[in-house]
Amino acid sequence: MDLSLERPAFYRVKRGQTICSVAKTYHIPPRLLAAENSLTEELSEGQVLRIPPAEGHLYVVRGGESKTLLCGSPENFRKKNGTDCFYIGQTILL
């Protein structure tokens, strides 16, 4: 029996929600959500977002780690996380 939840393809933003709060709800990095929707500013109520299919586990980057160590290559990191940005404390998909 498979108990996995289906992730919707789209989501309508509710009042007071931020990129971070929506990303946290769907267990994806905020930068990936922003990149998927070409966002350059915060969300507005009623805005429709595309929720990217995210396969992997969320992880918080620690000191001494690299894109290659965590994702196999910088290209794979960019593909999974929608950014080249990499820093300690960042939430990423592995």
PDB file of N, CA and C in Angstrom:
ATOM      1  N   MET A   1       0.843  -1.173   0.000  1.00  0.00           N
ATOM      2  CA  MET A   1       0.000   0.000   0.000  1.00  0.00           C
ATOM      3  C   MET A   1       0.895   1.245   0.000  1.00  0.00           C
ATOM      4  N   ASP A   2       0.643   2.173  -0.935  1.00  0.00           N
ATOM      5  CA  ASP A   2       1.424   3.401  -1.069  1.00  0.00           C
ATOM      6  C   ASP A   2       0.670   4.553  -0.405  1.00  0.00           C
ATOM      7  N   LEU A   3       1.302   5.181   0.585  1.00  0.00           N
ATOM      8  CA  LEU A   3       0.658   6.266   1.310  1.00  0.00           C
ATOM      9  C   LEU A   3       1.196   7.636   0.931  1.00  0.00           C
ATOM     10  N   SER A   4       1.896   7.730  -0.199  1.00  0.00           N
ATOM     11  CA  SER A   4       2.459   9.022  -0.595  1.00  0.00           C
ATOM     12  C   SER A   4       1.343   9.976  -1.021  1.00  0.00           C
ATOM     13  N   LEU A   5       1.558  11.252  -0.747  1.00  0.00           N
ATOM     14  CA  LEU A   5       0.585  12.273  -1.095  1.00  0.00           C
ATOM     15  C   LEU A   5       0.892  12.839  -2.467  1.00  0.00           C
ATOM     16  N   GLU A   6      -0.148  13.145  -3.217  1.00  0.00           N
ATOM     17  CA  GLU A   6       0.033  13.762  -4.519  1.00  0.00           C
ATOM     18  C   GLU A   6       0.286  15.242  -4.361  1.00  0.00           C
ATOM     19  N   ARG A   7       1.242  15.755  -5.096  1.00  0.00           N
ATOM     20  CA  ARG A   7       1.564  17.177  -5.070  1.00  0.00           C
ATOM     21  C   ARG A   7       0.776  17.837  -6.200  1.00  0.00           C
ATOM     22  N   PRO A   8       0.054  18.912  -5.906  1.00  0.00           N
ATOM     23  CA  PRO A   8      -0.698  19.580  -6.975  1.00  0.00           C
ATOM     24  C   PRO A   8       0.260  20.254  -7.958  1.00  0.00           C
ATOM     25  N   ALA A   9      -0.191  20.416  -9.177  1.00  0.00           N
ATOM     26  CA  ALA A   9       0.633  21.084 -10.187  1.00  0.00           C
ATOM     27  C   ALA A   9       0.603  22.600 -10.003  1.00  0.00           C
ATOM     28  N   PHE A  10      -0.515  23.111  -9.457  1.00  0.00           N
ATOM     29  CA  PHE A  10      -0.669  24.557  -9.280  1.00  0.00           C
ATOM     30  C   PHE A  10      -1.226  24.852  -7.889  1.00  0.00           C
ATOM     31  N   TYR A  11      -0.976  26.083  -7.421  1.00  0.00           N
ATOM     32  CA  TYR A  11      -1.445  26.490  -6.097  1.00  0.00           C
ATOM     33  C   TYR A  11      -1.818  27.967  -6.138  1.00  0.00           C
ATOM     34  N   ARG A  12      -2.972  28.303  -5.569  1.00  0.00           N
ATOM     35  CA  ARG A  12      -3.418  29.710  -5.488  1.00  0.00           C
ATOM     36  C   ARG A  12      -3.020  30.268  -4.118  1.00  0.00           C
ATOM     37  N   VAL A  13      -2.276  31.371  -4.135  1.00  0.00           N
ATOM     38  CA  VAL A  13      -1.739  31.990  -2.919  1.00  0.00           C
ATOM     39  C   VAL A  13      -2.858  32.599  -2.075  1.00  0.00           C
ATOM     40  N   LYS A  14      -2.770  32.345  -0.771  1.00  0.00           N
ATOM     41  CA  LYS A  14      -3.731  32.915   0.187  1.00  0.00           C
ATOM     42  C   LYS A  14      -3.112  34.157   0.836  1.00  0.00           C
ATOM     43  N   ARG A  15      -3.945  34.973   1.421  1.00  0.00           N
ATOM     44  CA  ARG A  15      -3.505  36.213   2.066  1.00  0.00           C
ATOM     45  C   ARG A  15      -2.420  35.926   3.102  1.00  0.00           C
ATOM     46  N   GLY A  16      -1.358  36.717   3.046  1.00  0.00           N
ATOM     47  CA  GLY A  16      -0.288  36.623   4.030  1.00  0.00           C
ATOM     48  C   GLY A  16       0.773  35.576   3.746  1.00  0.00           C
ATOM     49  N   GLN A  17       0.583  34.782   2.715  1.00  0.00           N
ATOM     50  CA  GLN A  17       1.576  33.755   2.428  1.00  0.00           C
ATOM     51  C   GLN A  17       2.786  34.351   1.722  1.00  0.00           C
ATOM     52  N   THR A  18       3.936  33.741   1.977  1.00  0.00           N
ATOM     53  CA  THR A  18       5.188  34.165   1.363  1.00  0.00           C
ATOM     54  C   THR A  18       5.745  33.018   0.530  1.00  0.00           C
ATOM     55  N   ILE A  19       6.765  33.335  -0.250  1.00  0.00           N
ATOM     56  CA  ILE A  19       7.435  32.288  -1.032  1.00  0.00           C
ATOM     57  C   ILE A  19       7.919  31.192  -0.086  1.00  0.00           C
ATOM     58  N   CYS A  20       8.515  31.604   1.034  1.00  0.00           N
ATOM     59  CA  CYS A  20       9.043  30.624   1.995  1.00  0.00           C
ATOM     60  C   CYS A  20       7.948  29.749   2.596  1.00  0.00           C
ATOM     61  N   SER A  21       6.809  30.331   2.937  1.00  0.00           N
ATOM     62  CA  SER A  21       5.752  29.533   3.569  1.00  0.00           C
ATOM     63  C   SER A  21       5.138  28.537   2.581  1.00  0.00           C
ATOM     64  N   VAL A  22       4.960  28.944   1.334  1.00  0.00           N
ATOM     65  CA  VAL A  22       4.422  28.021   0.329  1.00  0.00           C
ATOM     66  C   VAL A  22       5.435  26.919   0.046  1.00  0.00           C
ATOM     67  N   ALA A  23       6.707  27.286  -0.101  1.00  0.00           N
ATOM     68  CA  ALA A  23       7.760  26.298  -0.364  1.00  0.00           C
ATOM     69  C   ALA A  23       7.843  25.278   0.776  1.00  0.00           C
ATOM     70  N   LYS A  24       7.736  25.746   2.007  1.00  0.00           N
ATOM     71  CA  LYS A  24       7.794  24.852   3.160  1.00  0.00           C
ATOM     72  C   LYS A  24       6.626  23.872   3.145  1.00  0.00           C
ATOM     73  N   THR A  25       5.457  24.352   2.764  1.00  0.00           N
ATOM     74  CA  THR A  25       4.270  23.490   2.693  1.00  0.00           C
ATOM     75  C   THR A  25       4.487  22.315   1.742  1.00  0.00           C
ATOM     76  N   TYR A  26       5.149  22.572   0.623  1.00  0.00           N
ATOM     77  CA  TYR A  26       5.353  21.531  -0.391  1.00  0.00           C
ATOM     78  C   TYR A  26       6.739  20.908  -0.340  1.00  0.00           C
ATOM     79  N   HIS A  27       7.499  21.220   0.704  1.00  0.00           N
ATOM     80  CA  HIS A  27       8.813  20.620   0.933  1.00  0.00           C
ATOM     81  C   HIS A  27       9.756  20.811  -0.257  1.00  0.00           C
ATOM     82  N   ILE A  28       9.833  22.064  -0.711  1.00  0.00           N
ATOM     83  CA  ILE A  28      10.761  22.414  -1.773  1.00  0.00           C
ATOM     84  C   ILE A  28      11.535  23.667  -1.370  1.00  0.00           C
ATOM     85  N   PRO A  29      12.728  23.854  -1.894  1.00  0.00           N
ATOM     86  CA  PRO A  29      13.483  25.063  -1.568  1.00  0.00           C
ATOM     87  C   PRO A  29      12.790  26.310  -2.124  1.00  0.00           C
ATOM     88  N   PRO A  30      12.765  27.405  -1.371  1.00  0.00           N
ATOM     89  CA  PRO A  30      12.130  28.639  -1.846  1.00  0.00           C
ATOM     90  C   PRO A  30      12.688  29.113  -3.192  1.00  0.00           C
ATOM     91  N   ARG A  31      13.999  28.969  -3.391  1.00  0.00           N
ATOM     92  CA  ARG A  31      14.600  29.407  -4.654  1.00  0.00           C
ATOM     93  C   ARG A  31      14.084  28.591  -5.832  1.00  0.00           C
ATOM     94  N   LEU A  32      13.801  27.314  -5.616  1.00  0.00           N
ATOM     95  CA  LEU A  32      13.260  26.483  -6.684  1.00  0.00           C
ATOM     96  C   LEU A  32      11.855  26.949  -7.057  1.00  0.00           C
ATOM     97  N   LEU A  33      11.030  27.256  -6.059  1.00  0.00           N
ATOM     98  CA  LEU A  33       9.682  27.769  -6.306  1.00  0.00           C
ATOM     99  C   LEU A  33       9.749  29.098  -7.052  1.00  0.00           C
ATOM    100  N   ALA A  34      10.649  29.981  -6.615  1.00  0.00           N
ATOM    101  CA  ALA A  34      10.813  31.288  -7.262  1.00  0.00           C
ATOM    102  C   ALA A  34      11.289  31.129  -8.705  1.00  0.00           C
ATOM    103  N   ALA A  35      12.250  30.252  -8.932  1.00  0.00           N
ATOM    104  CA  ALA A  35      12.773  30.038 -10.288  1.00  0.00           C
ATOM    105  C   ALA A  35      11.705  29.446 -11.207  1.00  0.00           C
ATOM    106  N   GLU A  36      10.949  28.498 -10.698  1.00  0.00           N
ATOM    107  CA  GLU A  36       9.905  27.832 -11.485  1.00  0.00           C
ATOM    108  C   GLU A  36       8.845  28.825 -11.948  1.00  0.00           C
ATOM    109  N   ASN A  37       8.612  29.878 -11.154  1.00  0.00           N
ATOM    110  CA  ASN A  37       7.557  30.848 -11.457  1.00  0.00           C
ATOM    111  C   ASN A  37       8.093  32.213 -11.879  1.00  0.00           C
ATOM    112  N   SER A  38       9.403  32.305 -12.118  1.00  0.00           N
ATOM    113  CA  SER A  38      10.055  33.563 -12.529  1.00  0.00           C
ATOM    114  C   SER A  38       9.690  34.711 -11.593  1.00  0.00           C
ATOM    115  N   LEU A  39       9.725  34.437 -10.288  1.00  0.00           N
ATOM    116  CA  LEU A  39       9.347  35.439  -9.292  1.00  0.00           C
ATOM    117  C   LEU A  39      10.516  36.373  -8.999  1.00  0.00           C
ATOM    118  N   THR A  40      10.221  37.656  -8.938  1.00  0.00           N
ATOM    119  CA  THR A  40      11.235  38.645  -8.582  1.00  0.00           C
ATOM    120  C   THR A  40      10.809  39.453  -7.363  1.00  0.00           C
ATOM    121  N   GLU A  41       9.580  39.254  -6.905  1.00  0.00           N
ATOM    122  CA  GLU A  41       9.112  39.944  -5.706  1.00  0.00           C
ATOM    123  C   GLU A  41       8.182  39.012  -4.947  1.00  0.00           C
ATOM    124  N   GLU A  42       7.777  39.431  -3.758  1.00  0.00           N
ATOM    125  CA  GLU A  42       6.923  38.584  -2.925  1.00  0.00           C
ATOM    126  C   GLU A  42       5.574  38.306  -3.596  1.00  0.00           C
ATOM    127  N   LEU A  43       4.880  37.341  -3.056  1.00  0.00           N
ATOM    128  CA  LEU A  43       3.610  36.884  -3.623  1.00  0.00           C
ATOM    129  C   LEU A  43       2.469  37.836  -3.293  1.00  0.00           C
ATOM    130  N   SER A  44       1.408  37.746  -4.096  1.00  0.00           N
ATOM    131  CA  SER A  44       0.200  38.505  -3.803  1.00  0.00           C
ATOM    132  C   SER A  44      -0.975  37.534  -3.741  1.00  0.00           C
ATOM    133  N   GLU A  45      -1.951  37.880  -2.935  1.00  0.00           N
ATOM    134  CA  GLU A  45      -3.129  37.032  -2.753  1.00  0.00           C
ATOM    135  C   GLU A  45      -3.771  36.740  -4.098  1.00  0.00           C
ATOM    136  N   GLY A  46      -4.119  35.478  -4.339  1.00  0.00           N
ATOM    137  CA  GLY A  46      -4.779  35.072  -5.571  1.00  0.00           C
ATOM    138  C   GLY A  46      -3.833  34.677  -6.685  1.00  0.00           C
ATOM    139  N   GLN A  47      -2.557  34.964  -6.533  1.00  0.00           N
ATOM    140  CA  GLN A  47      -1.571  34.601  -7.553  1.00  0.00           C
ATOM    141  C   GLN A  47      -1.513  33.078  -7.672  1.00  0.00           C
ATOM    142  N   VAL A  48      -1.392  32.575  -8.899  1.00  0.00           N
ATOM    143  CA  VAL A  48      -1.325  31.138  -9.114  1.00  0.00           C
ATOM    144  C   VAL A  48       0.128  30.748  -9.384  1.00  0.00           C
ATOM    145  N   LEU A  49       0.605  29.783  -8.620  1.00  0.00           N
ATOM    146  CA  LEU A  49       1.978  29.317  -8.749  1.00  0.00           C
ATOM    147  C   LEU A  49       2.016  27.903  -9.304  1.00  0.00           C
ATOM    148  N   ARG A  50       3.011  27.644 -10.119  1.00  0.00           N
ATOM    149  CA  ARG A  50       3.260  26.274 -10.560  1.00  0.00           C
ATOM    150  C   ARG A  50       4.145  25.639  -9.502  1.00  0.00           C
ATOM    151  N   ILE A  51       3.733  24.488  -8.990  1.00  0.00           N
ATOM    152  CA  ILE A  51       4.507  23.763  -7.988  1.00  0.00           C
ATOM    153  C   ILE A  51       5.368  22.737  -8.731  1.00  0.00           C
ATOM    154  N   PRO A  52       6.692  22.927  -8.697  1.00  0.00           N
ATOM    155  CA  PRO A  52       7.556  22.015  -9.451  1.00  0.00           C
ATOM    156  C   PRO A  52       7.577  20.623  -8.835  1.00  0.00           C
ATOM    157  N   PRO A  53       7.685  19.623  -9.699  1.00  0.00           N
ATOM    158  CA  PRO A  53       7.843  18.283  -9.154  1.00  0.00           C
ATOM    159  C   PRO A  53       9.216  18.194  -8.503  1.00  0.00           C
ATOM    160  N   ALA A  54       9.278  17.848  -7.258  1.00  0.00           N
ATOM    161  CA  ALA A  54      10.553  17.792  -6.540  1.00  0.00           C
ATOM    162  C   ALA A  54      10.768  16.383  -6.018  1.00  0.00           C
ATOM    163  N   GLU A  55      11.806  15.775  -6.501  1.00  0.00           N
ATOM    164  CA  GLU A  55      12.134  14.446  -6.028  1.00  0.00           C
ATOM    165  C   GLU A  55      13.439  14.535  -5.276  1.00  0.00           C
ATOM    166  N   GLY A  56      13.410  14.114  -4.058  1.00  0.00           N
ATOM    167  CA  GLY A  56      14.595  14.181  -3.222  1.00  0.00           C
ATOM    168  C   GLY A  56      14.197  14.531  -1.806  1.00  0.00           C
ATOM    169  N   HIS A  57      15.191  14.811  -1.013  1.00  0.00           N
ATOM    170  CA  HIS A  57      14.963  15.140   0.387  1.00  0.00           C
ATOM    171  C   HIS A  57      15.500  16.526   0.667  1.00  0.00           C
ATOM    172  N   LEU A  58      14.789  17.281   1.505  1.00  0.00           N
ATOM    173  CA  LEU A  58      15.278  18.592   1.910  1.00  0.00           C
ATOM    174  C   LEU A  58      16.448  18.410   2.868  1.00  0.00           C
ATOM    175  N   TYR A  59      17.425  19.294   2.742  1.00  0.00           N
ATOM    176  CA  TYR A  59      18.633  19.216   3.544  1.00  0.00           C
ATOM    177  C   TYR A  59      19.146  20.623   3.793  1.00  0.00           C
ATOM    178  N   VAL A  60      19.684  20.885   4.963  1.00  0.00           N
ATOM    179  CA  VAL A  60      20.259  22.184   5.290  1.00  0.00           C
ATOM    180  C   VAL A  60      21.781  22.072   5.176  1.00  0.00           C
ATOM    181  N   VAL A  61      22.367  22.914   4.342  1.00  0.00           N
ATOM    182  CA  VAL A  61      23.806  22.885   4.068  1.00  0.00           C
ATOM    183  C   VAL A  61      24.600  23.237   5.324  1.00  0.00           C
ATOM    184  N   ARG A  62      25.660  22.461   5.560  1.00  0.00           N
ATOM    185  CA  ARG A  62      26.564  22.707   6.684  1.00  0.00           C
ATOM    186  C   ARG A  62      27.945  23.089   6.155  1.00  0.00           C
ATOM    187  N   GLY A  63      28.776  23.611   7.023  1.00  0.00           N
ATOM    188  CA  GLY A  63      30.127  24.027   6.659  1.00  0.00           C
ATOM    189  C   GLY A  63      30.939  22.878   6.086  1.00  0.00           C
ATOM    190  N   GLY A  64      31.753  23.164   5.071  1.00  0.00           N
ATOM    191  CA  GLY A  64      32.626  22.168   4.471  1.00  0.00           C
ATOM    192  C   GLY A  64      31.977  21.348   3.376  1.00  0.00           C
ATOM    193  N   GLU A  65      30.693  21.536   3.125  1.00  0.00           N
ATOM    194  CA  GLU A  65      30.010  20.775   2.081  1.00  0.00           C
ATOM    195  C   GLU A  65      30.048  21.543   0.757  1.00  0.00           C
ATOM    196  N   SER A  66      29.868  20.824  -0.326  1.00  0.00           N
ATOM    197  CA  SER A  66      29.891  21.443  -1.650  1.00  0.00           C
ATOM    198  C   SER A  66      28.728  20.927  -2.490  1.00  0.00           C
ATOM    199  N   LYS A  67      28.469  21.597  -3.600  1.00  0.00           N
ATOM    200  CA  LYS A  67      27.416  21.169  -4.526  1.00  0.00           C
ATOM    201  C   LYS A  67      27.696  19.755  -5.029  1.00  0.00           C
ATOM    202  N   THR A  68      28.971  19.498  -5.356  1.00  0.00           N
ATOM    203  CA  THR A  68      29.355  18.184  -5.874  1.00  0.00           C
ATOM    204  C   THR A  68      29.175  17.107  -4.811  1.00  0.00           C
ATOM    205  N   LEU A  69      29.575  17.383  -3.587  1.00  0.00           N
ATOM    206  CA  LEU A  69      29.434  16.417  -2.503  1.00  0.00           C
ATOM    207  C   LEU A  69      27.969  16.062  -2.271  1.00  0.00           C
ATOM    208  N   LEU A  70      27.093  17.053  -2.287  1.00  0.00           N
ATOM    209  CA  LEU A  70      25.686  16.833  -1.945  1.00  0.00           C
ATOM    210  C   LEU A  70      24.825  16.360  -3.111  1.00  0.00           C
ATOM    211  N   CYS A  71      25.123  16.840  -4.330  1.00  0.00           N
ATOM    212  CA  CYS A  71      24.245  16.526  -5.469  1.00  0.00           C
ATOM    213  C   CYS A  71      24.953  15.823  -6.623  1.00  0.00           C
ATOM    214  N   GLY A  72      26.232  15.556  -6.485  1.00  0.00           N
ATOM    215  CA  GLY A  72      26.947  14.843  -7.541  1.00  0.00           C
ATOM    216  C   GLY A  72      27.689  15.734  -8.507  1.00  0.00           C
ATOM    217  N   SER A  73      27.142  16.916  -8.787  1.00  0.00           N
ATOM    218  CA  SER A  73      27.787  17.873  -9.688  1.00  0.00           C
ATOM    219  C   SER A  73      27.102  19.225  -9.547  1.00  0.00           C
ATOM    220  N   PRO A  74      27.804  20.311  -9.913  1.00  0.00           N
ATOM    221  CA  PRO A  74      27.167  21.626  -9.878  1.00  0.00           C
ATOM    222  C   PRO A  74      25.940  21.707 -10.795  1.00  0.00           C
ATOM    223  N   GLU A  75      25.994  21.016 -11.935  1.00  0.00           N
ATOM    224  CA  GLU A  75      24.866  21.020 -12.875  1.00  0.00           C
ATOM    225  C   GLU A  75      23.642  20.342 -12.269  1.00  0.00           C
ATOM    226  N   ASN A  76      23.847  19.216 -11.585  1.00  0.00           N
ATOM    227  CA  ASN A  76      22.743  18.512 -10.945  1.00  0.00           C
ATOM    228  C   ASN A  76      22.169  19.350  -9.807  1.00  0.00           C
ATOM    229  N   PHE A  77      23.041  20.054  -9.064  1.00  0.00           N
ATOM    230  CA  PHE A  77      22.585  20.953  -8.010  1.00  0.00           C
ATOM    231  C   PHE A  77      21.665  22.022  -8.595  1.00  0.00           C
ATOM    232  N   ARG A  78      22.091  22.656  -9.682  1.00  0.00           N
ATOM    233  CA  ARG A  78      21.306  23.722 -10.322  1.00  0.00           C
ATOM    234  C   ARG A  78      19.962  23.177 -10.807  1.00  0.00           C
ATOM    235  N   LYS A  79      19.974  22.007 -11.416  1.00  0.00           N
ATOM    236  CA  LYS A  79      18.740  21.403 -11.936  1.00  0.00           C
ATOM    237  C   LYS A  79      17.736  21.123 -10.809  1.00  0.00           C
ATOM    238  N   LYS A  80      18.211  20.574  -9.693  1.00  0.00           N
ATOM    239  CA  LYS A  80      17.321  20.224  -8.584  1.00  0.00           C
ATOM    240  C   LYS A  80      16.854  21.427  -7.781  1.00  0.00           C
ATOM    241  N   ASN A  81      17.689  22.474  -7.678  1.00  0.00           N
ATOM    242  CA  ASN A  81      17.409  23.581  -6.764  1.00  0.00           C
ATOM    243  C   ASN A  81      17.104  24.905  -7.446  1.00  0.00           C
ATOM    244  N   GLY A  82      17.237  24.983  -8.755  1.00  0.00           N
ATOM    245  CA  GLY A  82      16.855  26.189  -9.488  1.00  0.00           C
ATOM    246  C   GLY A  82      17.749  27.385  -9.240  1.00  0.00           C
ATOM    247  N   THR A  83      18.991  27.148  -8.790  1.00  0.00           N
ATOM    248  CA  THR A  83      19.916  28.249  -8.497  1.00  0.00           C
ATOM    249  C   THR A  83      21.350  27.747  -8.504  1.00  0.00           C
ATOM    250  N   ASP A  84      22.282  28.669  -8.704  1.00  0.00           N
ATOM    251  CA  ASP A  84      23.702  28.372  -8.539  1.00  0.00           C
ATOM    252  C   ASP A  84      24.163  28.775  -7.144  1.00  0.00           C
ATOM    253  N   CYS A  85      23.324  29.525  -6.432  1.00  0.00           N
ATOM    254  CA  CYS A  85      23.647  30.031  -5.105  1.00  0.00           C
ATOM    255  C   CYS A  85      23.807  28.864  -4.126  1.00  0.00           C
ATOM    256  N   PHE A  86      24.842  28.926  -3.280  1.00  0.00           N
ATOM    257  CA  PHE A  86      25.122  27.848  -2.338  1.00  0.00           C
ATOM    258  C   PHE A  86      25.763  28.441  -1.092  1.00  0.00           C
ATOM    259  N   TYR A  87      25.154  28.252   0.079  1.00  0.00           N
ATOM    260  CA  TYR A  87      25.697  28.817   1.310  1.00  0.00           C
ATOM    261  C   TYR A  87      25.264  28.001   2.526  1.00  0.00           C
ATOM    262  N   ILE A  88      26.001  28.145   3.594  1.00  0.00           N
ATOM    263  CA  ILE A  88      25.707  27.447   4.846  1.00  0.00           C
ATOM    264  C   ILE A  88      24.333  27.892   5.355  1.00  0.00           C
ATOM    265  N   GLY A  89      23.520  26.931   5.754  1.00  0.00           N
ATOM    266  CA  GLY A  89      22.182  27.236   6.260  1.00  0.00           C
ATOM    267  C   GLY A  89      21.104  27.195   5.189  1.00  0.00           C
ATOM    268  N   GLN A  90      21.494  27.092   3.930  1.00  0.00           N
ATOM    269  CA  GLN A  90      20.539  27.047   2.820  1.00  0.00           C
ATOM    270  C   GLN A  90      19.804  25.714   2.819  1.00  0.00           C
ATOM    271  N   THR A  91      18.512  25.730   2.540  1.00  0.00           N
ATOM    272  CA  THR A  91      17.726  24.515   2.406  1.00  0.00           C
ATOM    273  C   THR A  91      17.733  24.112   0.938  1.00  0.00           C
ATOM    274  N   ILE A  92      18.173  22.877   0.657  1.00  0.00           N
ATOM    275  CA  ILE A  92      18.287  22.403  -0.724  1.00  0.00           C
ATOM    276  C   ILE A  92      17.627  21.027  -0.860  1.00  0.00           C
ATOM    277  N   LEU A  93      17.455  20.620  -2.105  1.00  0.00           N
ATOM    278  CA  LEU A  93      16.993  19.267  -2.401  1.00  0.00           C
ATOM    279  C   LEU A  93      18.197  18.408  -2.744  1.00  0.00           C
ATOM    280  N   LEU A  94      18.247  17.222  -2.177  1.00  0.00           N
ATOM    281  CA  LEU A  94      19.308  16.267  -2.506  1.00  0.00           C
ATOM    282  C   LEU A  94      18.812  15.292  -3.531  1.00  0.00           C
TER     283      LEU A  94
END
